[in-house]
C-alpha atoms as a PDB file:
ATOM      1  CA  MET A   1      39.180 -11.633  27.389  1.00  0.00           C
ATOM      2  CA  ASP A   2      40.134  -9.631  24.589  1.00  0.00           C
ATOM      3  CA  PHE A   3      38.682  -6.949  23.792  1.00  0.00           C
ATOM      4  CA  PHE A   4      38.796  -7.394  20.077  1.00  0.00           C
ATOM      5  CA  GLU A   5      37.227 -10.720  20.683  1.00  0.00           C
ATOM      6  CA  ALA A   6      34.601  -9.605  22.591  1.00  0.00           C
ATOM      7  CA  GLN A   7      33.598  -7.010  20.339  1.00  0.00           C
ATOM      8  CA  ASP A   8      33.486  -9.958  16.900  1.00  0.00           C
ATOM      9  CA  ARG A   9      31.164 -11.613  19.379  1.00  0.00           C
ATOM     10  CA  ALA A  10      28.772  -8.973  20.287  1.00  0.00           C
ATOM     11  CA  ARG A  11      28.964  -8.099  16.550  1.00  0.00           C
ATOM     12  CA  ARG A  12      27.829 -11.545  15.507  1.00  0.00           C
ATOM     13  CA  ASN A  13      24.886 -11.265  18.383  1.00  0.00           C
ATOM     14  CA  THR A  14      23.998  -8.289  16.863  1.00  0.00           C
ATOM     15  CA  TRP A  15      23.177  -9.882  13.623  1.00  0.00           C
ATOM     16  CA  LYS A  16      21.423 -12.671  15.189  1.00  0.00           C
ATOM     17  CA  LEU A  17      19.001 -10.534  17.060  1.00  0.00           C
ATOM     18  CA  VAL A  18      18.616  -8.207  14.087  1.00  0.00           C
ATOM     19  CA  VAL A  19      17.616 -11.906  12.212  1.00  0.00           C
ATOM     20  CA  PHE A  20      15.195 -12.992  15.027  1.00  0.00           C
ATOM     21  CA  TYR A  21      13.688  -9.571  15.345  1.00  0.00           C
ATOM     22  CA  LEU A  22      12.692  -9.680  11.815  1.00  0.00           C
ATOM     23  CA  LEU A  23      11.564 -13.578  12.322  1.00  0.00           C
ATOM     24  CA  ALA A  24       9.170 -11.892  15.299  1.00  0.00           C
ATOM     25  CA  VAL A  25       8.401  -9.237  12.881  1.00  0.00           C
ATOM     26  CA  VAL A  26       7.040 -11.707  10.246  1.00  0.00           C
ATOM     27  CA  LEU A  27       5.534 -14.224  12.803  1.00  0.00           C
ATOM     28  CA  ILE A  28       3.388 -11.190  14.088  1.00  0.00           C
ATOM     29  CA  ILE A  29       2.120 -10.141  10.865  1.00  0.00           C
ATOM     30  CA  ALA A  30       0.848 -14.089   9.923  1.00  0.00           C
ATOM     31  CA  THR A  31      -0.857 -14.608  13.156  1.00  0.00           C
ATOM     32  CA  VAL A  32      -2.592 -11.038  12.825  1.00  0.00           C
ATOM     33  CA  TYR A  33      -3.087 -11.799   9.849  1.00  0.00           C
ATOM     34  CA  LEU A  34      -4.795 -15.356   9.824  1.00  0.00           C
ATOM     35  CA  ILE A  35      -6.530 -13.994  13.203  1.00  0.00           C
ATOM     36  CA  ALA A  36      -8.170 -10.586  11.505  1.00  0.00           C
ATOM     37  CA  ALA A  37      -8.838 -13.129   8.611  1.00  0.00           C
ATOM     38  CA  ALA A  38     -10.960 -15.741  11.073  1.00  0.00           C
ATOM     39  CA  VAL A  39     -12.442 -12.886  13.035  1.00  0.00           C
ATOM     40  CA  LEU A  40     -13.746 -10.982   9.491  1.00  0.00           C
ATOM     41  CA  GLY A  41     -15.155 -14.215   7.949  1.00  0.00           C
ATOM     42  CA  TYR A  42     -13.134 -14.176   4.962  1.00  0.00           C
ATOM     43  CA  HIS A  43     -13.269 -17.720   4.226  1.00  0.00           C
ATOM     44  CA  ALA A  44     -17.188 -17.751   4.219  1.00  0.00           C
ATOM     45  CA  ASP A  45     -16.568 -15.983   0.487  1.00  0.00           C
ATOM     46  CA  VAL A  46     -14.855 -18.877  -0.685  1.00  0.00           C
ATOM     47  CA  PRO A  47     -16.529 -21.553  -3.133  1.00  0.00           C
ATOM     48  CA  PRO A  48     -16.604 -25.136  -0.980  1.00  0.00           C
ATOM     49  CA  GLY A  49     -14.475 -26.737  -3.431  1.00  0.00           C
ATOM     50  CA  ALA A  50     -11.609 -23.896  -2.863  1.00  0.00           C
ATOM     51  CA  SER A  51      -7.748 -25.144  -2.308  1.00  0.00           C
ATOM     52  CA  LEU A  52      -6.154 -23.969   1.241  1.00  0.00           C
ATOM     53  CA  THR A  53      -4.607 -21.084  -0.766  1.00  0.00           C
ATOM     54  CA  GLU A  54      -7.866 -19.902  -1.774  1.00  0.00           C
ATOM     55  CA  ARG A  55      -9.391 -20.089   1.212  1.00  0.00           C
ATOM     56  CA  ILE A  56      -6.831 -18.395   3.574  1.00  0.00           C
ATOM     57  CA  TRP A  57      -4.550 -15.680   1.087  1.00  0.00           C
ATOM     58  CA  HIS A  58      -6.562 -12.259   0.814  1.00  0.00           C
ATOM     59  CA  PRO A  59      -4.344  -9.873  -0.792  1.00  0.00           C
ATOM     60  CA  ALA A  60      -5.785  -6.960   0.391  1.00  0.00           C
ATOM     61  CA  LEU A  61      -6.384  -7.866   3.930  1.00  0.00           C
ATOM     62  CA  PHE A  62      -2.669  -9.063   3.948  1.00  0.00           C
ATOM     63  CA  LEU A  63      -1.213  -5.454   2.852  1.00  0.00           C
ATOM     64  CA  THR A  64      -3.874  -4.089   5.532  1.00  0.00           C
ATOM     65  CA  VAL A  65      -3.006  -6.368   8.230  1.00  0.00           C
ATOM     66  CA  SER A  66       1.194  -5.548   7.168  1.00  0.00           C
ATOM     67  CA  ALA A  67       1.034  -2.023   6.818  1.00  0.00           C
ATOM     68  CA  ALA A  68      -0.783  -1.398  10.351  1.00  0.00           C
ATOM     69  CA  ILE A  69       1.928  -3.503  12.157  1.00  0.00           C
ATOM     70  CA  ILE A  70       4.732  -2.372  10.320  1.00  0.00           C
ATOM     71  CA  MET A  71       3.646   1.187  11.398  1.00  0.00           C
ATOM     72  CA  ILE A  72       3.074   0.197  15.235  1.00  0.00           C
ATOM     73  CA  ILE A  73       6.458  -1.610  15.337  1.00  0.00           C
ATOM     74  CA  ILE A  74       8.366   1.333  13.424  1.00  0.00           C
ATOM     75  CA  SER A  75       6.630   3.441  15.907  1.00  0.00           C
ATOM     76  CA  GLY A  76       7.667   1.506  19.027  1.00  0.00           C
ATOM     77  CA  THR A  77      11.360   1.006  17.601  1.00  0.00           C
ATOM     78  CA  LEU A  78      11.879   4.728  16.985  1.00  0.00           C
ATOM     79  CA  PHE A  79      10.435   5.414  20.405  1.00  0.00           C
ATOM     80  CA  ARG A  80      12.446   3.082  22.066  1.00  0.00           C
ATOM     81  CA  VAL A  81      15.751   4.306  20.420  1.00  0.00           C
ATOM     82  CA  ALA A  82      14.795   8.140  21.193  1.00  0.00           C
ATOM     83  CA  GLN A  83      14.783   7.080  24.691  1.00  0.00           C
ATOM     84  CA  LEU A  84      17.967   5.280  24.422  1.00  0.00           C
ATOM     85  CA  ARG A  85      19.862   8.056  22.739  1.00  0.00           C
ATOM     86  CA  LYS A  86      19.674   9.656  26.470  1.00  0.00           C
ATOM     87  CA  GLY A  87      22.515   8.687  27.316  1.00  0.00           C
ATOM     88  CA  GLY A  88      23.705   5.721  29.500  1.00  0.00           C
ATOM     89  CA  SER A  89      21.590   6.499  32.237  1.00  0.00           C
ATOM     90  CA  ALA A  90      18.436   5.618  30.077  1.00  0.00           C
ATOM     91  CA  VAL A  91      20.001   2.578  28.964  1.00  0.00           C
ATOM     92  CA  ALA A  92      21.487   1.343  32.675  1.00  0.00           C
END
């Protein structure tokens, strides 16, 4: 196998992993938001004739959930990066 070919393949795979990581973050935020809205009873305050969007969209709750989830994910990511900076033995 050619080194440069392997390097190009690794770069392509890295971009795929970054996209999947971002997709996972978005899905985690959406899931936690929907669960929080259901548990906190945000759907009860909506009038009976309201559309589906009005029933599930609460910007303040979304911003709170998003900020909390992003802080948790960034903290975990920074912790893992700090662990992996210790060198090859930490990676292995």
